[in-house]
Amino acid sequence: MLMNQQMNHLYDLPEDIQSLIYKNVFAGCLKQIENSNAKTLYDYYDILAKSKLRYCVIGKDTNSIYLYRSYYIKEDRNLSKIKYIEYPVSYVSCDFEYIQTIIEEFAAIIYNDNDENRNLMRLHRSRSGICNLQYTGGTFRIFVDKNKLSCRVDLEKAIILGFDLIYYCLKLIRFLELNPYDDCDDIRRLTECLSSRLLFEGYVIYNDVVVVGLGSAN
């Protein structure tokens, strides 16, 4: 005889709604989890809900992070050695040195932004350890302060914030027309390249470098 099964309709909801639900549920659990990284998990859901990236790690989703939170907020000393997070880009700029200078100088301005209306995002970046952005032509690199990453949630939060920093740098450079000598339209092409790869599909760590997998949302 088959037993009646109740369907869980939570997974039918949009991912941003799921994130908010789990964020609120987790808020009530903070006092029960005696771990300094618990607050990091709370911040993570808030940041993910606002990010351009969609969480699409094979075999996992944002619900998995909450369900296996003990693993994700567990101290991992190896993460404190991370040098930088690397994001691949398929488009290579024609005028590399000019585009590199524009991106890296403008990123520094954004990162050190003291506008009171944007203090929360600046605080998130500070907590995540993000300290520098580098464009190499084939990749973007987000450098992380030593000893800032202590658990998996710390790392994934830095990955998301790093991507958003790169993405909005490119968007603002175009909007503010800070690339007057960009004859090959490299900034637009780089922006479109990132815009077509908004799925966060995971990462691998090799020689203290985090290589991020980005997939197409189409």
N, C-alpha and C. Protein backbone atom coordinates (compact mmCIF):
# COMPACT_ATOMS: atom_id res chain seq x y z
N MET A 1 0.85 -1.19 0.00
CA MET A 1 0.00 0.00 0.00
C MET A 1 0.89 1.25 0.00
N LEU A 2 0.62 2.17 -0.93
CA LEU A 2 1.43 3.37 -1.02
C LEU A 2 1.00 4.37 0.03
N MET A 3 2.00 5.00 0.67
CA MET A 3 1.71 6.01 1.67
C MET A 3 1.54 7.36 0.99
N ASN A 4 0.63 8.15 1.51
CA ASN A 4 0.43 9.48 0.96
C ASN A 4 1.65 10.35 1.24
N GLN A 5 2.08 11.08 0.24
CA GLN A 5 3.24 11.94 0.39
C GLN A 5 2.83 13.40 0.18
N GLN A 6 3.30 14.27 1.04
CA GLN A 6 3.03 15.69 0.90
C GLN A 6 4.15 16.34 0.10
N MET A 7 3.77 17.10 -0.90
CA MET A 7 4.77 17.75 -1.75
C MET A 7 5.30 18.99 -1.05
N ASN A 8 6.58 19.22 -1.21
CA ASN A 8 7.21 20.43 -0.66
C ASN A 8 7.22 21.50 -1.75
N HIS A 9 6.32 22.47 -1.64
CA HIS A 9 6.19 23.50 -2.68
C HIS A 9 7.20 24.63 -2.52
N LEU A 10 8.02 24.54 -1.46
CA LEU A 10 9.03 25.57 -1.26
C LEU A 10 9.96 25.67 -2.47
N TYR A 11 10.31 24.51 -3.02
CA TYR A 11 11.27 24.49 -4.13
C TYR A 11 10.67 25.00 -5.44
N ASP A 12 9.34 25.21 -5.47
CA ASP A 12 8.71 25.75 -6.66
C ASP A 12 8.75 27.27 -6.68
N LEU A 13 9.12 27.87 -5.55
CA LEU A 13 9.19 29.33 -5.48
C LEU A 13 10.42 29.86 -6.19
N PRO A 14 10.38 31.12 -6.64
CA PRO A 14 11.58 31.72 -7.25
C PRO A 14 12.74 31.70 -6.26
N GLU A 15 13.96 31.63 -6.79
CA GLU A 15 15.13 31.47 -5.93
C GLU A 15 15.32 32.66 -4.99
N ASP A 16 14.99 33.88 -5.44
CA ASP A 16 15.17 35.03 -4.55
C ASP A 16 14.22 34.97 -3.36
N ILE A 17 13.00 34.43 -3.60
CA ILE A 17 12.03 34.27 -2.50
C ILE A 17 12.52 33.20 -1.53
N GLN A 18 13.07 32.09 -2.10
CA GLN A 18 13.63 31.04 -1.24
C GLN A 18 14.74 31.61 -0.36
N SER A 19 15.58 32.43 -0.95
CA SER A 19 16.69 33.01 -0.19
C SER A 19 16.19 33.85 0.97
N LEU A 20 15.14 34.64 0.72
CA LEU A 20 14.58 35.47 1.79
C LEU A 20 13.97 34.62 2.89
N ILE A 21 13.29 33.53 2.50
CA ILE A 21 12.69 32.64 3.49
C ILE A 21 13.76 32.03 4.37
N TYR A 22 14.80 31.49 3.74
CA TYR A 22 15.86 30.86 4.51
C TYR A 22 16.61 31.89 5.36
N LYS A 23 16.73 33.10 4.84
CA LYS A 23 17.39 34.15 5.60
C LYS A 23 16.61 34.43 6.90
N ASN A 24 15.27 34.51 6.79
CA ASN A 24 14.44 34.78 7.96
C ASN A 24 14.43 33.60 8.93
N VAL A 25 14.42 32.39 8.36
CA VAL A 25 14.47 31.21 9.22
C VAL A 25 15.79 31.16 9.97
N PHE A 26 16.86 31.47 9.23
CA PHE A 26 18.18 31.42 9.85
C PHE A 26 18.37 32.48 10.92
N ALA A 27 17.68 33.62 10.73
CA ALA A 27 17.80 34.69 11.72
C ALA A 27 17.37 34.21 13.10
N GLY A 28 16.38 33.33 13.14
CA GLY A 28 15.92 32.79 14.41
C GLY A 28 16.82 31.72 14.97
N CYS A 29 17.76 31.25 14.16
CA CYS A 29 18.67 30.18 14.60
C CYS A 29 20.03 30.71 15.04
N LEU A 30 20.27 32.00 14.82
CA LEU A 30 21.59 32.54 15.11
C LEU A 30 22.01 32.32 16.56
N LYS A 31 21.05 32.46 17.47
CA LYS A 31 21.39 32.30 18.88
C LYS A 31 21.69 30.85 19.24
N GLN A 32 21.24 29.91 18.38
CA GLN A 32 21.42 28.50 18.67
C GLN A 32 22.73 27.96 18.11
N ILE A 33 23.35 28.71 17.20
CA ILE A 33 24.58 28.26 16.56
C ILE A 33 25.76 28.99 17.17
N GLU A 34 26.55 28.32 17.95
CA GLU A 34 27.67 28.96 18.64
C GLU A 34 28.91 28.92 17.75
N ASN A 35 28.92 29.81 16.79
CA ASN A 35 30.01 29.87 15.84
C ASN A 35 30.10 31.29 15.32
N SER A 36 31.31 31.85 15.33
CA SER A 36 31.48 33.24 14.90
C SER A 36 31.17 33.44 13.43
N ASN A 37 31.10 32.35 12.65
CA ASN A 37 30.82 32.45 11.22
C ASN A 37 29.33 32.43 10.91
N ALA A 38 28.48 32.28 11.94
CA ALA A 38 27.05 32.21 11.70
C ALA A 38 26.53 33.50 11.07
N LYS A 39 27.02 34.65 11.55
CA LYS A 39 26.60 35.93 10.99
C LYS A 39 26.98 36.04 9.52
N THR A 40 28.09 35.40 9.14
CA THR A 40 28.52 35.41 7.74
C THR A 40 27.47 34.75 6.86
N LEU A 41 26.87 33.67 7.33
CA LEU A 41 25.84 32.98 6.56
C LEU A 41 24.61 33.86 6.40
N TYR A 42 24.25 34.57 7.44
CA TYR A 42 23.12 35.50 7.37
C TYR A 42 23.39 36.57 6.31
N ASP A 43 24.60 37.15 6.33
CA ASP A 43 24.98 38.17 5.34
C ASP A 43 24.97 37.59 3.93
N TYR A 44 25.40 36.34 3.83
CA TYR A 44 25.52 35.69 2.52
C TYR A 44 24.18 35.68 1.78
N TYR A 45 23.11 35.30 2.47
CA TYR A 45 21.80 35.25 1.82
C TYR A 45 21.34 36.64 1.40
N ASP A 46 21.63 37.64 2.20
CA ASP A 46 21.26 39.01 1.87
C ASP A 46 21.99 39.47 0.61
N ILE A 47 23.28 39.17 0.54
CA ILE A 47 24.10 39.56 -0.61
C ILE A 47 23.69 38.81 -1.87
N LEU A 48 23.45 37.51 -1.74
CA LEU A 48 23.08 36.69 -2.89
C LEU A 48 21.76 37.15 -3.50
N ALA A 49 20.82 37.55 -2.66
CA ALA A 49 19.52 37.99 -3.15
C ALA A 49 19.63 39.25 -4.01
N LYS A 50 20.67 40.06 -3.78
CA LYS A 50 20.85 41.32 -4.50
C LYS A 50 21.85 41.21 -5.65
N SER A 51 22.51 40.09 -5.78
CA SER A 51 23.59 39.95 -6.76
C SER A 51 23.07 39.69 -8.17
N LYS A 52 23.91 40.01 -9.15
CA LYS A 52 23.61 39.68 -10.54
C LYS A 52 23.81 38.19 -10.80
N LEU A 53 24.65 37.54 -9.98
CA LEU A 53 24.92 36.11 -10.16
C LEU A 53 23.76 35.26 -9.67
N ARG A 54 23.51 34.17 -10.37
CA ARG A 54 22.53 33.18 -9.93
C ARG A 54 23.28 31.93 -9.48
N TYR A 55 22.94 31.44 -8.31
CA TYR A 55 23.62 30.27 -7.75
C TYR A 55 23.17 29.03 -8.51
N CYS A 56 24.11 28.35 -9.16
CA CYS A 56 23.76 27.20 -10.00
C CYS A 56 24.86 26.15 -9.93
N VAL A 57 25.33 25.86 -8.70
CA VAL A 57 26.38 24.87 -8.51
C VAL A 57 25.80 23.48 -8.72
N ILE A 58 26.44 22.67 -9.55
CA ILE A 58 25.93 21.35 -9.89
C ILE A 58 25.76 20.50 -8.63
N GLY A 59 24.55 19.97 -8.48
CA GLY A 59 24.27 19.11 -7.33
C GLY A 59 23.96 19.85 -6.06
N LYS A 60 23.95 21.19 -6.11
CA LYS A 60 23.69 21.99 -4.92
C LYS A 60 22.82 23.19 -5.29
N ASP A 61 22.26 23.82 -4.28
CA ASP A 61 21.57 25.08 -4.46
C ASP A 61 21.68 25.86 -3.16
N THR A 62 21.05 27.02 -3.11
CA THR A 62 21.16 27.84 -1.90
C THR A 62 20.55 27.13 -0.69
N ASN A 63 19.58 26.26 -0.94
CA ASN A 63 18.98 25.51 0.16
C ASN A 63 20.00 24.56 0.79
N SER A 64 20.88 24.01 -0.03
CA SER A 64 21.90 23.09 0.46
C SER A 64 22.82 23.78 1.47
N ILE A 65 23.13 25.05 1.19
CA ILE A 65 24.01 25.79 2.09
C ILE A 65 23.38 25.92 3.46
N TYR A 66 22.08 26.18 3.48
CA TYR A 66 21.42 26.29 4.79
C TYR A 66 21.33 24.92 5.47
N LEU A 67 20.93 23.91 4.71
CA LEU A 67 20.75 22.58 5.30
C LEU A 67 22.06 22.02 5.83
N TYR A 68 23.17 22.32 5.14
CA TYR A 68 24.49 21.82 5.56
C TYR A 68 25.34 22.97 6.11
N ARG A 69 24.70 23.87 6.84
CA ARG A 69 25.37 25.06 7.34
C ARG A 69 26.55 24.75 8.24
N SER A 70 26.48 23.63 8.96
CA SER A 70 27.59 23.29 9.85
C SER A 70 28.88 23.14 9.06
N TYR A 71 28.79 22.58 7.85
CA TYR A 71 29.96 22.42 6.98
C TYR A 71 30.41 23.78 6.43
N TYR A 72 29.46 24.59 6.00
CA TYR A 72 29.79 25.85 5.35
C TYR A 72 30.34 26.90 6.30
N ILE A 73 29.98 26.83 7.58
CA ILE A 73 30.50 27.82 8.53
C ILE A 73 31.63 27.24 9.39
N LYS A 74 32.05 26.04 9.06
CA LYS A 74 33.16 25.41 9.80
C LYS A 74 34.49 26.09 9.45
N GLU A 75 35.30 26.34 10.44
CA GLU A 75 36.61 26.96 10.21
C GLU A 75 37.47 26.10 9.27
N ASP A 76 38.09 26.76 8.30
CA ASP A 76 38.99 26.09 7.36
C ASP A 76 40.22 26.98 7.21
N ARG A 77 41.29 26.63 7.91
CA ARG A 77 42.49 27.48 7.92
C ARG A 77 43.15 27.60 6.56
N ASN A 78 42.93 26.63 5.68
CA ASN A 78 43.54 26.70 4.35
C ASN A 78 43.01 27.88 3.54
N LEU A 79 41.77 28.31 3.83
CA LEU A 79 41.19 29.43 3.09
C LEU A 79 41.88 30.75 3.40
N SER A 80 42.51 30.84 4.55
CA SER A 80 43.20 32.08 4.92
C SER A 80 44.41 32.34 4.02
N LYS A 81 44.82 31.32 3.27
CA LYS A 81 45.99 31.45 2.38
C LYS A 81 45.61 31.91 0.98
N ILE A 82 44.30 32.03 0.70
CA ILE A 82 43.87 32.39 -0.65
C ILE A 82 44.48 33.72 -1.09
N LYS A 83 45.06 33.71 -2.31
CA LYS A 83 45.70 34.92 -2.84
C LYS A 83 44.69 35.78 -3.60
N TYR A 84 43.97 35.14 -4.51
CA TYR A 84 42.98 35.90 -5.28
C TYR A 84 41.94 34.94 -5.87
N ILE A 85 40.84 35.55 -6.31
CA ILE A 85 39.75 34.83 -6.97
C ILE A 85 39.78 35.22 -8.44
N GLU A 86 39.73 34.23 -9.31
CA GLU A 86 39.89 34.49 -10.74
C GLU A 86 38.62 34.13 -11.52
N TYR A 87 38.19 35.08 -12.36
CA TYR A 87 37.00 34.91 -13.19
C TYR A 87 37.42 34.93 -14.66
N PRO A 88 37.15 33.88 -15.42
CA PRO A 88 37.55 33.87 -16.83
C PRO A 88 36.64 34.73 -17.69
N VAL A 89 37.21 35.35 -18.72
CA VAL A 89 36.42 36.08 -19.71
C VAL A 89 36.86 35.63 -21.10
N SER A 90 35.90 35.43 -21.97
CA SER A 90 36.22 34.90 -23.30
C SER A 90 36.62 35.99 -24.29
N TYR A 91 36.26 37.24 -23.97
CA TYR A 91 36.64 38.33 -24.87
C TYR A 91 37.97 38.94 -24.43
N VAL A 92 38.88 39.10 -25.38
CA VAL A 92 40.18 39.71 -25.10
C VAL A 92 40.22 41.10 -25.71
N SER A 93 40.52 42.10 -24.91
CA SER A 93 40.51 43.50 -25.37
C SER A 93 41.55 43.73 -26.46
N CYS A 94 41.18 44.55 -27.42
CA CYS A 94 42.11 44.89 -28.50
C CYS A 94 43.21 45.82 -28.00
N ASP A 95 42.81 46.81 -27.20
CA ASP A 95 43.77 47.76 -26.63
C ASP A 95 43.91 47.44 -25.14
N PHE A 96 44.62 46.36 -24.85
CA PHE A 96 44.65 45.82 -23.49
C PHE A 96 45.15 46.81 -22.45
N GLU A 97 46.27 47.47 -22.68
CA GLU A 97 46.86 48.34 -21.65
C GLU A 97 45.94 49.52 -21.31
N TYR A 98 45.30 50.09 -22.31
CA TYR A 98 44.39 51.21 -22.07
C TYR A 98 43.20 50.76 -21.25
N ILE A 99 42.59 49.64 -21.63
CA ILE A 99 41.41 49.12 -20.94
C ILE A 99 41.78 48.67 -19.52
N GLN A 100 42.93 48.06 -19.37
CA GLN A 100 43.39 47.62 -18.04
C GLN A 100 43.51 48.81 -17.09
N THR A 101 44.10 49.90 -17.58
CA THR A 101 44.28 51.09 -16.75
C THR A 101 42.93 51.67 -16.31
N ILE A 102 42.01 51.79 -17.25
CA ILE A 102 40.68 52.35 -16.93
C ILE A 102 39.98 51.51 -15.86
N ILE A 103 39.94 50.19 -16.08
CA ILE A 103 39.21 49.31 -15.17
C ILE A 103 39.83 49.31 -13.77
N GLU A 104 41.13 49.15 -13.70
CA GLU A 104 41.78 49.02 -12.39
C GLU A 104 41.74 50.33 -11.60
N GLU A 105 41.90 51.46 -12.28
CA GLU A 105 41.84 52.74 -11.57
C GLU A 105 40.42 53.05 -11.11
N PHE A 106 39.43 52.74 -11.94
CA PHE A 106 38.05 53.01 -11.56
C PHE A 106 37.59 52.07 -10.45
N ALA A 107 38.03 50.82 -10.48
CA ALA A 107 37.68 49.87 -9.43
C ALA A 107 38.17 50.35 -8.07
N ALA A 108 39.36 50.93 -8.04
CA ALA A 108 39.91 51.44 -6.79
C ALA A 108 39.05 52.58 -6.25
N ILE A 109 38.51 53.40 -7.14
CA ILE A 109 37.64 54.50 -6.72
C ILE A 109 36.36 53.95 -6.10
N ILE A 110 35.76 52.96 -6.76
CA ILE A 110 34.52 52.37 -6.26
C ILE A 110 34.75 51.70 -4.92
N TYR A 111 35.84 50.96 -4.84
CA TYR A 111 36.09 50.21 -3.59
C TYR A 111 36.27 51.15 -2.41
N ASN A 112 36.88 52.29 -2.62
CA ASN A 112 37.14 53.24 -1.53
C ASN A 112 36.05 54.30 -1.41
N ASP A 113 34.90 54.04 -2.03
CA ASP A 113 33.77 54.97 -1.99
C ASP A 113 33.32 55.21 -0.55
N ASN A 114 33.24 56.47 -0.15
CA ASN A 114 32.84 56.82 1.22
C ASN A 114 31.42 57.39 1.29
N ASP A 115 30.66 57.28 0.20
CA ASP A 115 29.30 57.80 0.20
C ASP A 115 28.46 57.10 1.27
N GLU A 116 27.81 57.87 2.14
CA GLU A 116 27.04 57.31 3.25
C GLU A 116 25.93 56.38 2.77
N ASN A 117 25.38 56.67 1.59
CA ASN A 117 24.29 55.85 1.07
C ASN A 117 24.75 54.47 0.63
N ARG A 118 26.07 54.29 0.49
CA ARG A 118 26.58 53.00 0.03
C ARG A 118 27.49 52.35 1.07
N ASN A 119 27.34 52.77 2.31
CA ASN A 119 28.20 52.24 3.37
C ASN A 119 28.03 50.75 3.60
N LEU A 120 26.79 50.23 3.44
CA LEU A 120 26.55 48.81 3.69
C LEU A 120 27.34 47.95 2.72
N MET A 121 27.34 48.31 1.44
CA MET A 121 28.09 47.52 0.46
C MET A 121 29.59 47.64 0.73
N ARG A 122 30.04 48.83 1.14
CA ARG A 122 31.46 48.99 1.47
C ARG A 122 31.84 48.11 2.66
N LEU A 123 30.93 48.02 3.64
CA LEU A 123 31.16 47.18 4.80
C LEU A 123 31.24 45.71 4.41
N HIS A 124 30.34 45.29 3.52
CA HIS A 124 30.35 43.90 3.05
C HIS A 124 31.69 43.58 2.38
N ARG A 125 32.18 44.51 1.54
CA ARG A 125 33.45 44.27 0.85
C ARG A 125 34.58 44.20 1.86
N SER A 126 34.54 45.06 2.87
CA SER A 126 35.58 45.06 3.90
C SER A 126 35.59 43.73 4.65
N ARG A 127 34.42 43.25 5.03
CA ARG A 127 34.33 41.98 5.74
C ARG A 127 34.80 40.82 4.88
N SER A 128 34.55 40.91 3.58
CA SER A 128 34.92 39.81 2.70
C SER A 128 36.41 39.78 2.40
N GLY A 129 37.10 40.87 2.68
CA GLY A 129 38.54 40.91 2.46
C GLY A 129 38.97 41.38 1.10
N ILE A 130 38.02 41.77 0.23
CA ILE A 130 38.37 42.23 -1.11
C ILE A 130 39.21 43.51 -1.01
N CYS A 131 40.37 43.50 -1.64
CA CYS A 131 41.27 44.65 -1.51
C CYS A 131 41.79 45.18 -2.83
N ASN A 132 41.59 44.44 -3.93
CA ASN A 132 42.13 44.92 -5.21
C ASN A 132 41.50 44.16 -6.36
N LEU A 133 41.46 44.81 -7.53
CA LEU A 133 40.96 44.18 -8.76
C LEU A 133 42.02 44.30 -9.83
N GLN A 134 42.24 43.21 -10.55
CA GLN A 134 43.24 43.21 -11.63
C GLN A 134 42.63 42.60 -12.89
N TYR A 135 42.88 43.25 -14.02
CA TYR A 135 42.43 42.73 -15.31
C TYR A 135 43.65 42.25 -16.08
N THR A 136 43.65 40.97 -16.47
CA THR A 136 44.82 40.39 -17.12
C THR A 136 44.65 40.21 -18.63
N GLY A 137 43.47 40.49 -19.14
CA GLY A 137 43.20 40.27 -20.56
C GLY A 137 42.32 39.06 -20.75
N GLY A 138 42.68 37.94 -20.12
CA GLY A 138 41.87 36.72 -20.23
C GLY A 138 41.08 36.43 -18.97
N THR A 139 41.39 37.17 -17.89
CA THR A 139 40.70 36.96 -16.63
C THR A 139 40.58 38.28 -15.85
N PHE A 140 39.66 38.27 -14.89
CA PHE A 140 39.63 39.29 -13.86
C PHE A 140 40.06 38.62 -12.56
N ARG A 141 40.87 39.32 -11.78
CA ARG A 141 41.31 38.78 -10.50
C ARG A 141 40.88 39.71 -9.36
N ILE A 142 40.27 39.12 -8.36
CA ILE A 142 39.91 39.85 -7.16
C ILE A 142 40.84 39.38 -6.05
N PHE A 143 41.65 40.29 -5.54
CA PHE A 143 42.60 39.94 -4.48
C PHE A 143 41.94 40.07 -3.12
N VAL A 144 42.32 39.16 -2.21
CA VAL A 144 41.69 39.08 -0.89
C VAL A 144 42.76 39.24 0.19
N ASP A 145 42.46 40.07 1.18
CA ASP A 145 43.38 40.23 2.30
C ASP A 145 43.62 38.90 3.02
N LYS A 146 44.85 38.69 3.46
CA LYS A 146 45.20 37.47 4.16
C LYS A 146 44.40 37.34 5.45
N ASN A 147 43.98 36.13 5.75
CA ASN A 147 43.26 35.78 6.98
C ASN A 147 41.85 36.34 7.06
N LYS A 148 41.29 36.81 5.93
CA LYS A 148 39.92 37.30 5.93
C LYS A 148 38.90 36.18 5.69
N LEU A 149 39.31 35.14 4.99
CA LEU A 149 38.41 34.03 4.69
C LEU A 149 38.63 32.91 5.69
N SER A 150 37.60 32.58 6.44
CA SER A 150 37.75 31.55 7.46
C SER A 150 36.86 30.34 7.25
N CYS A 151 35.88 30.44 6.34
CA CYS A 151 34.98 29.31 6.09
C CYS A 151 34.47 29.39 4.65
N ARG A 152 33.75 28.35 4.22
CA ARG A 152 33.26 28.29 2.83
C ARG A 152 32.29 29.41 2.51
N VAL A 153 31.47 29.79 3.45
CA VAL A 153 30.53 30.88 3.21
C VAL A 153 31.29 32.19 2.99
N ASP A 154 32.36 32.42 3.75
CA ASP A 154 33.21 33.59 3.53
C ASP A 154 33.69 33.64 2.08
N LEU A 155 34.15 32.49 1.60
CA LEU A 155 34.70 32.41 0.25
C LEU A 155 33.63 32.68 -0.80
N GLU A 156 32.48 32.03 -0.67
CA GLU A 156 31.43 32.20 -1.68
C GLU A 156 30.87 33.63 -1.65
N LYS A 157 30.85 34.23 -0.48
CA LYS A 157 30.42 35.63 -0.38
C LYS A 157 31.41 36.53 -1.12
N ALA A 158 32.71 36.28 -0.95
CA ALA A 158 33.73 37.08 -1.64
C ALA A 158 33.64 36.88 -3.15
N ILE A 159 33.32 35.65 -3.59
CA ILE A 159 33.16 35.37 -5.02
C ILE A 159 32.03 36.22 -5.61
N ILE A 160 30.91 36.27 -4.91
CA ILE A 160 29.75 37.02 -5.39
C ILE A 160 30.02 38.52 -5.38
N LEU A 161 30.57 39.03 -4.29
CA LEU A 161 30.88 40.46 -4.20
C LEU A 161 31.93 40.87 -5.22
N GLY A 162 32.90 39.98 -5.45
CA GLY A 162 33.93 40.26 -6.43
C GLY A 162 33.37 40.38 -7.84
N PHE A 163 32.47 39.46 -8.17
CA PHE A 163 31.84 39.50 -9.50
C PHE A 163 31.05 40.79 -9.67
N ASP A 164 30.28 41.14 -8.66
CA ASP A 164 29.47 42.35 -8.76
C ASP A 164 30.34 43.60 -8.89
N LEU A 165 31.48 43.61 -8.20
CA LEU A 165 32.40 44.75 -8.33
C LEU A 165 32.89 44.89 -9.76
N ILE A 166 33.27 43.77 -10.37
CA ILE A 166 33.74 43.78 -11.77
C ILE A 166 32.62 44.24 -12.70
N TYR A 167 31.45 43.65 -12.53
CA TYR A 167 30.31 43.92 -13.42
C TYR A 167 29.91 45.40 -13.37
N TYR A 168 29.77 45.94 -12.16
CA TYR A 168 29.31 47.33 -12.06
C TYR A 168 30.41 48.33 -12.42
N CYS A 169 31.66 47.95 -12.28
CA CYS A 169 32.75 48.79 -12.79
C CYS A 169 32.60 49.00 -14.28
N LEU A 170 32.41 47.91 -15.00
CA LEU A 170 32.27 47.98 -16.45
C LEU A 170 31.04 48.78 -16.86
N LYS A 171 29.92 48.53 -16.16
CA LYS A 171 28.67 49.25 -16.48
C LYS A 171 28.83 50.75 -16.26
N LEU A 172 29.46 51.12 -15.14
CA LEU A 172 29.60 52.54 -14.82
C LEU A 172 30.60 53.24 -15.73
N ILE A 173 31.65 52.53 -16.12
CA ILE A 173 32.62 53.11 -17.06
C ILE A 173 31.93 53.51 -18.36
N ARG A 174 31.04 52.64 -18.84
CA ARG A 174 30.29 52.94 -20.06
C ARG A 174 29.30 54.08 -19.83
N PHE A 175 28.56 54.00 -18.71
CA PHE A 175 27.53 55.01 -18.44
C PHE A 175 28.14 56.40 -18.26
N LEU A 176 29.27 56.46 -17.59
CA LEU A 176 29.92 57.75 -17.33
C LEU A 176 30.85 58.18 -18.46
N GLU A 177 30.95 57.32 -19.49
CA GLU A 177 31.77 57.60 -20.66
C GLU A 177 33.22 57.92 -20.27
N LEU A 178 33.80 57.03 -19.48
CA LEU A 178 35.17 57.21 -19.01
C LEU A 178 36.19 56.55 -19.95
N ASN A 179 35.71 56.06 -21.07
CA ASN A 179 36.59 55.39 -22.03
C ASN A 179 36.57 56.09 -23.40
N PRO A 180 36.95 57.36 -23.45
CA PRO A 180 36.84 58.13 -24.71
C PRO A 180 37.72 57.60 -25.84
N TYR A 181 38.79 56.89 -25.50
CA TYR A 181 39.69 56.39 -26.54
C TYR A 181 39.52 54.88 -26.77
N ASP A 182 38.38 54.39 -26.38
CA ASP A 182 38.07 52.97 -26.55
C ASP A 182 37.53 52.75 -27.96
N ASP A 183 38.41 52.86 -28.95
CA ASP A 183 38.00 52.81 -30.36
C ASP A 183 37.44 51.45 -30.77
N CYS A 184 37.83 50.39 -30.06
CA CYS A 184 37.37 49.04 -30.43
C CYS A 184 36.14 48.62 -29.62
N ASP A 185 35.63 49.56 -28.81
CA ASP A 185 34.44 49.27 -28.00
C ASP A 185 34.68 48.09 -27.05
N ASP A 186 35.87 48.03 -26.48
CA ASP A 186 36.24 46.91 -25.62
C ASP A 186 35.40 46.84 -24.34
N ILE A 187 35.11 47.98 -23.72
CA ILE A 187 34.34 47.98 -22.48
C ILE A 187 32.95 47.40 -22.72
N ARG A 188 32.31 47.81 -23.79
CA ARG A 188 30.98 47.27 -24.11
C ARG A 188 31.05 45.77 -24.33
N ARG A 189 32.05 45.32 -25.05
CA ARG A 189 32.18 43.89 -25.35
C ARG A 189 32.47 43.08 -24.08
N LEU A 190 33.29 43.63 -23.19
CA LEU A 190 33.56 42.94 -21.93
C LEU A 190 32.30 42.86 -21.07
N THR A 191 31.54 43.95 -21.05
CA THR A 191 30.29 43.97 -20.28
C THR A 191 29.32 42.92 -20.81
N GLU A 192 29.19 42.85 -22.11
CA GLU A 192 28.29 41.86 -22.72
C GLU A 192 28.78 40.44 -22.45
N CYS A 193 30.09 40.27 -22.43
CA CYS A 193 30.67 38.95 -22.16
C CYS A 193 30.27 38.49 -20.76
N LEU A 194 30.41 39.37 -19.77
CA LEU A 194 30.03 39.02 -18.40
C LEU A 194 28.52 38.84 -18.27
N SER A 195 27.76 39.69 -18.96
CA SER A 195 26.30 39.63 -18.87
C SER A 195 25.74 38.32 -19.40
N SER A 196 26.50 37.67 -20.26
CA SER A 196 26.04 36.39 -20.82
C SER A 196 26.43 35.19 -19.96
N ARG A 197 27.15 35.45 -18.86
CA ARG A 197 27.62 34.36 -18.00
C ARG A 197 27.34 34.71 -16.54
N LEU A 198 26.06 34.67 -16.20
CA LEU A 198 25.62 35.07 -14.87
C LEU A 198 25.27 33.89 -13.97
N LEU A 199 25.67 32.68 -14.36
CA LEU A 199 25.43 31.52 -13.52
C LEU A 199 26.71 31.15 -12.77
N PHE A 200 26.63 31.14 -11.47
CA PHE A 200 27.76 30.74 -10.63
C PHE A 200 27.72 29.22 -10.51
N GLU A 201 28.63 28.53 -11.22
CA GLU A 201 28.58 27.07 -11.31
C GLU A 201 29.59 26.36 -10.42
N GLY A 202 30.25 27.12 -9.56
CA GLY A 202 31.19 26.49 -8.64
C GLY A 202 32.59 27.05 -8.77
N TYR A 203 33.54 26.41 -8.13
CA TYR A 203 34.92 26.89 -8.15
C TYR A 203 35.87 25.76 -7.78
N VAL A 204 37.13 25.93 -8.15
CA VAL A 204 38.18 25.01 -7.74
C VAL A 204 39.30 25.84 -7.13
N ILE A 205 39.99 25.26 -6.17
CA ILE A 205 41.11 25.94 -5.52
C ILE A 205 42.40 25.22 -5.87
N TYR A 206 43.34 25.95 -6.47
CA TYR A 206 44.61 25.36 -6.88
C TYR A 206 45.73 26.35 -6.58
N ASN A 207 46.73 25.89 -5.82
CA ASN A 207 47.86 26.75 -5.45
C ASN A 207 47.39 28.06 -4.82
N ASP A 208 46.42 27.96 -3.93
CA ASP A 208 45.88 29.11 -3.19
C ASP A 208 45.20 30.13 -4.09
N VAL A 209 44.76 29.70 -5.26
CA VAL A 209 44.00 30.56 -6.17
C VAL A 209 42.63 29.92 -6.41
N VAL A 210 41.59 30.72 -6.33
CA VAL A 210 40.22 30.23 -6.56
C VAL A 210 39.82 30.54 -7.99
N VAL A 211 39.53 29.52 -8.78
CA VAL A 211 39.10 29.70 -10.16
C VAL A 211 37.59 29.46 -10.22
N VAL A 212 36.86 30.49 -10.60
CA VAL A 212 35.38 30.45 -10.60
C VAL A 212 34.84 29.96 -11.93
N GLY A 213 33.84 29.09 -11.87
CA GLY A 213 33.15 28.63 -13.05
C GLY A 213 31.90 29.45 -13.31
N LEU A 214 31.82 30.09 -14.47
CA LEU A 214 30.65 30.89 -14.83
C LEU A 214 29.96 30.28 -16.03
N GLY A 215 28.64 30.17 -15.98
CA GLY A 215 27.89 29.57 -17.07
C GLY A 215 26.91 30.54 -17.68
N SER A 216 26.39 30.16 -18.85
CA SER A 216 25.42 30.99 -19.55
C SER A 216 24.02 30.78 -19.00
N ALA A 217 23.29 31.89 -18.85
CA ALA A 217 21.92 31.81 -18.36
C ALA A 217 20.94 31.52 -19.48
N ASN A 218 21.41 31.51 -20.73
CA ASN A 218 20.53 31.28 -21.88
C ASN A 218 20.31 29.80 -22.13
